[in-house]
Each structure stands twice: as structure tokens, then as C-alpha cells.
């Protein structure tokens, strides 16, 4: 069991290093040029196409707005 956990820890460490190096899992809220993560989580309601942003583990979700102040929708 100890050997299994040791191998699992190594695989997880390698995965996290590769994810950070190749910037896997980045979304629109992250800076792709400097490879900096925003800490925001982007949610999309696939029924309506409306998008929401969550900041931090204890925060609620807020609507994502466009430049005009309207709720951002990915459906046309």
C-alpha cells in the first residue's frame, strides 16, 4: 500500500508539473501570454448559454457581463 501511494504521488507531481509547463486547463480568464492564472472559474449554463464567474472556494457566482453591461451569452 505504501509503495502504491508513493507511485501515485510521483505521477501526480509529474502531471502537475506538465500542466503548469504547458498551461493545460487555461480558460478565457487566464493570461495566455504571461501564463498567469486568474484564480477565477468560468461556468457556462449550456441550456441557456449564459456565463458566470466564481472567485475563490467560498464565493458565489456572478454573471459575466460584456462591455455594454449585458449578461454574456455564448448562444446565438
N, C-alpha and C. Protein backbone atom coordinates (compact mmCIF):
# COMPACT_ATOMS: atom_id res chain seq x y z
N UNK A 1 0.82 -1.20 0.00
CA UNK A 1 0.00 0.00 0.00
C UNK A 1 0.87 1.26 0.00
N UNK A 2 1.94 1.23 0.78
CA UNK A 2 2.83 2.38 0.85
C UNK A 2 3.50 2.65 -0.50
N UNK A 3 3.87 1.56 -1.18
CA UNK A 3 4.51 1.68 -2.48
C UNK A 3 3.54 2.27 -3.51
N UNK A 4 2.27 1.86 -3.43
CA UNK A 4 1.23 2.38 -4.32
C UNK A 4 1.06 3.88 -4.12
N UNK A 5 0.97 4.34 -2.89
CA UNK A 5 0.81 5.76 -2.60
C UNK A 5 2.03 6.57 -3.07
N UNK A 6 3.21 5.98 -2.92
CA UNK A 6 4.43 6.64 -3.37
C UNK A 6 4.39 6.84 -4.88
N UNK A 7 4.00 5.81 -5.63
CA UNK A 7 3.91 5.92 -7.09
C UNK A 7 2.82 6.89 -7.51
N UNK A 8 1.72 6.87 -6.82
CA UNK A 8 0.63 7.80 -7.10
C UNK A 8 1.09 9.25 -6.89
N UNK A 9 1.83 9.50 -5.84
CA UNK A 9 2.35 10.84 -5.56
C UNK A 9 3.31 11.29 -6.67
N UNK A 10 4.14 10.40 -7.15
CA UNK A 10 5.08 10.75 -8.22
C UNK A 10 4.33 11.08 -9.51
N UNK A 11 3.33 10.27 -9.86
CA UNK A 11 2.55 10.52 -11.07
C UNK A 11 1.80 11.83 -10.96
N UNK A 12 1.21 12.11 -9.82
CA UNK A 12 0.50 13.37 -9.60
C UNK A 12 1.45 14.56 -9.71
N UNK A 13 2.64 14.44 -9.14
CA UNK A 13 3.63 15.52 -9.22
C UNK A 13 4.03 15.78 -10.67
N UNK A 14 4.28 14.74 -11.43
CA UNK A 14 4.66 14.89 -12.83
C UNK A 14 3.53 15.53 -13.63
N UNK A 15 2.28 15.09 -13.38
CA UNK A 15 1.13 15.66 -14.07
C UNK A 15 1.01 17.16 -13.78
N UNK A 16 1.14 17.54 -12.52
CA UNK A 16 1.01 18.96 -12.16
C UNK A 16 2.13 19.80 -12.77
N UNK A 17 3.32 19.25 -12.83
CA UNK A 17 4.43 19.97 -13.47
C UNK A 17 4.17 20.16 -14.96
N UNK A 18 3.73 19.11 -15.64
CA UNK A 18 3.44 19.22 -17.07
C UNK A 18 2.28 20.17 -17.33
N UNK A 19 1.26 20.11 -16.49
CA UNK A 19 0.10 21.00 -16.64
C UNK A 19 0.52 22.46 -16.51
N UNK A 20 1.37 22.73 -15.55
CA UNK A 20 1.85 24.10 -15.36
C UNK A 20 2.74 24.53 -16.53
N UNK A 21 3.61 23.64 -16.99
CA UNK A 21 4.54 23.99 -18.07
C UNK A 21 3.81 24.25 -19.39
N UNK A 22 2.84 23.41 -19.72
CA UNK A 22 2.12 23.55 -20.99
C UNK A 22 0.85 24.39 -20.86
N UNK A 23 0.53 24.86 -19.64
CA UNK A 23 -0.62 25.73 -19.38
C UNK A 23 -1.92 25.05 -19.75
N UNK A 24 -2.03 23.74 -19.45
CA UNK A 24 -3.25 22.98 -19.71
C UNK A 24 -4.36 23.47 -18.77
N UNK A 25 -5.57 23.45 -19.24
CA UNK A 25 -6.71 23.81 -18.41
C UNK A 25 -6.96 25.30 -18.31
N UNK A 26 -6.25 26.09 -19.08
CA UNK A 26 -6.44 27.54 -19.05
C UNK A 26 -7.75 27.90 -19.74
N UNK A 27 -8.39 28.95 -19.27
CA UNK A 27 -9.63 29.40 -19.91
C UNK A 27 -9.49 30.88 -20.28
N UNK A 28 -10.60 31.49 -20.66
CA UNK A 28 -10.59 32.88 -21.12
C UNK A 28 -10.18 33.88 -20.05
N UNK A 29 -10.31 33.51 -18.78
CA UNK A 29 -9.98 34.44 -17.70
C UNK A 29 -8.49 34.46 -17.39
N UNK A 30 -7.71 33.56 -17.96
CA UNK A 30 -6.27 33.49 -17.70
C UNK A 30 -5.49 34.26 -18.76
N UNK A 31 -4.31 34.74 -18.38
CA UNK A 31 -3.44 35.47 -19.30
C UNK A 31 -2.55 34.47 -20.02
N UNK A 32 -2.78 34.25 -21.30
CA UNK A 32 -2.04 33.24 -22.05
C UNK A 32 -0.65 33.70 -22.45
N UNK A 33 -0.41 35.00 -22.51
CA UNK A 33 0.92 35.49 -22.89
C UNK A 33 1.92 35.31 -21.75
N UNK A 34 1.52 35.66 -20.53
CA UNK A 34 2.42 35.51 -19.38
C UNK A 34 2.22 34.20 -18.64
N UNK A 35 1.22 33.40 -19.10
CA UNK A 35 0.88 32.11 -18.47
C UNK A 35 0.57 32.29 -16.98
N UNK A 36 -0.27 33.29 -16.69
CA UNK A 36 -0.68 33.58 -15.34
C UNK A 36 -2.15 33.21 -15.18
N UNK A 37 -2.45 32.45 -14.15
CA UNK A 37 -3.83 32.06 -13.88
C UNK A 37 -4.53 33.14 -13.08
N UNK A 38 -5.81 33.36 -13.37
CA UNK A 38 -6.57 34.42 -12.73
C UNK A 38 -7.14 33.99 -11.38
N UNK A 39 -7.32 32.70 -11.18
CA UNK A 39 -7.96 32.22 -9.96
C UNK A 39 -9.48 32.23 -10.07
N UNK A 40 -9.99 32.59 -11.23
CA UNK A 40 -11.42 32.61 -11.46
C UNK A 40 -11.83 31.32 -12.15
N UNK A 41 -13.08 30.90 -11.90
CA UNK A 41 -13.62 29.72 -12.55
C UNK A 41 -14.78 30.17 -13.42
N UNK A 42 -14.75 29.79 -14.68
CA UNK A 42 -15.77 30.17 -15.64
C UNK A 42 -16.78 29.04 -15.79
N UNK A 43 -18.06 29.36 -15.54
CA UNK A 43 -19.14 28.39 -15.70
C UNK A 43 -20.04 28.82 -16.84
N UNK A 44 -20.50 27.87 -17.62
CA UNK A 44 -21.44 28.14 -18.70
C UNK A 44 -22.67 27.27 -18.51
N UNK A 45 -23.83 27.89 -18.50
CA UNK A 45 -25.10 27.17 -18.45
C UNK A 45 -25.39 26.75 -19.90
N UNK A 46 -25.23 25.47 -20.19
CA UNK A 46 -25.36 25.02 -21.57
C UNK A 46 -26.80 24.99 -22.04
N UNK A 47 -27.75 25.11 -21.14
CA UNK A 47 -29.14 25.21 -21.55
C UNK A 47 -29.46 26.59 -22.11
N UNK A 48 -28.93 27.62 -21.47
CA UNK A 48 -29.22 29.00 -21.87
C UNK A 48 -28.05 29.67 -22.59
N UNK A 49 -26.82 29.17 -22.37
CA UNK A 49 -25.64 29.78 -22.96
C UNK A 49 -25.09 30.92 -22.13
N UNK A 50 -25.70 31.24 -20.99
CA UNK A 50 -25.24 32.33 -20.15
C UNK A 50 -24.01 31.89 -19.37
N UNK A 51 -23.08 32.86 -19.15
CA UNK A 51 -21.85 32.55 -18.45
C UNK A 51 -21.81 33.24 -17.09
N UNK A 52 -21.14 32.55 -16.14
CA UNK A 52 -20.99 33.04 -14.77
C UNK A 52 -19.55 32.87 -14.35
N UNK A 53 -19.10 33.69 -13.38
CA UNK A 53 -17.74 33.61 -12.86
C UNK A 53 -17.81 33.36 -11.37
N UNK A 54 -16.94 32.47 -10.89
CA UNK A 54 -16.81 32.21 -9.46
C UNK A 54 -15.39 32.56 -9.06
N UNK A 55 -15.25 33.33 -7.99
CA UNK A 55 -13.93 33.71 -7.48
C UNK A 55 -13.73 33.09 -6.12
N UNK A 56 -12.79 32.17 -6.01
CA UNK A 56 -12.46 31.56 -4.73
C UNK A 56 -13.40 30.43 -4.35
N UNK A 57 -12.98 29.65 -3.36
CA UNK A 57 -13.76 28.46 -2.98
C UNK A 57 -15.04 28.78 -2.21
N UNK A 58 -15.15 29.96 -1.59
CA UNK A 58 -16.31 30.26 -0.77
C UNK A 58 -17.23 31.31 -1.39
N UNK A 59 -16.84 31.84 -2.54
CA UNK A 59 -17.64 32.88 -3.18
C UNK A 59 -18.79 32.30 -3.98
N UNK A 60 -19.81 33.10 -4.17
CA UNK A 60 -20.93 32.70 -5.02
C UNK A 60 -20.58 33.00 -6.47
N UNK A 61 -21.51 32.71 -7.35
CA UNK A 61 -21.28 33.01 -8.76
C UNK A 61 -21.90 34.36 -9.09
N UNK A 62 -21.27 35.05 -10.04
CA UNK A 62 -21.79 36.33 -10.51
C UNK A 62 -21.91 36.25 -12.04
N UNK A 63 -22.86 36.96 -12.63
CA UNK A 63 -22.99 36.92 -14.09
C UNK A 63 -21.78 37.55 -14.76
N UNK A 64 -21.36 36.98 -15.87
CA UNK A 64 -20.29 37.55 -16.67
C UNK A 64 -20.93 38.53 -17.64
N UNK A 65 -20.44 39.77 -17.63
CA UNK A 65 -21.04 40.83 -18.42
C UNK A 65 -20.13 41.24 -19.58
N UNK A 66 -20.74 41.72 -20.67
CA UNK A 66 -19.96 42.25 -21.78
C UNK A 66 -19.70 43.73 -21.55
N UNK A 67 -19.11 44.42 -22.53
CA UNK A 67 -18.76 45.83 -22.38
C UNK A 67 -19.98 46.73 -22.22
N UNK A 68 -21.13 46.29 -22.70
CA UNK A 68 -22.36 47.07 -22.58
C UNK A 68 -23.08 46.84 -21.26
N UNK A 69 -22.58 45.91 -20.44
CA UNK A 69 -23.21 45.58 -19.18
C UNK A 69 -24.29 44.55 -19.27
N UNK A 70 -24.37 43.86 -20.41
CA UNK A 70 -25.37 42.81 -20.61
C UNK A 70 -24.77 41.46 -20.25
N UNK A 71 -25.63 40.54 -19.81
CA UNK A 71 -25.17 39.20 -19.45
C UNK A 71 -24.58 38.52 -20.69
N UNK A 72 -23.36 38.03 -20.58
CA UNK A 72 -22.67 37.41 -21.71
C UNK A 72 -23.27 36.05 -22.02
N UNK A 73 -23.63 35.85 -23.27
CA UNK A 73 -24.26 34.63 -23.72
C UNK A 73 -23.48 34.09 -24.92
N UNK A 74 -23.14 32.78 -24.88
CA UNK A 74 -22.38 32.20 -25.99
C UNK A 74 -23.28 31.62 -27.06
N UNK A 75 -24.59 31.50 -26.79
CA UNK A 75 -25.52 31.02 -27.81
C UNK A 75 -25.98 32.18 -28.67
N UNK A 76 -26.16 31.93 -29.91
CA UNK A 76 -26.63 32.98 -30.84
C UNK A 76 -28.08 32.78 -31.14
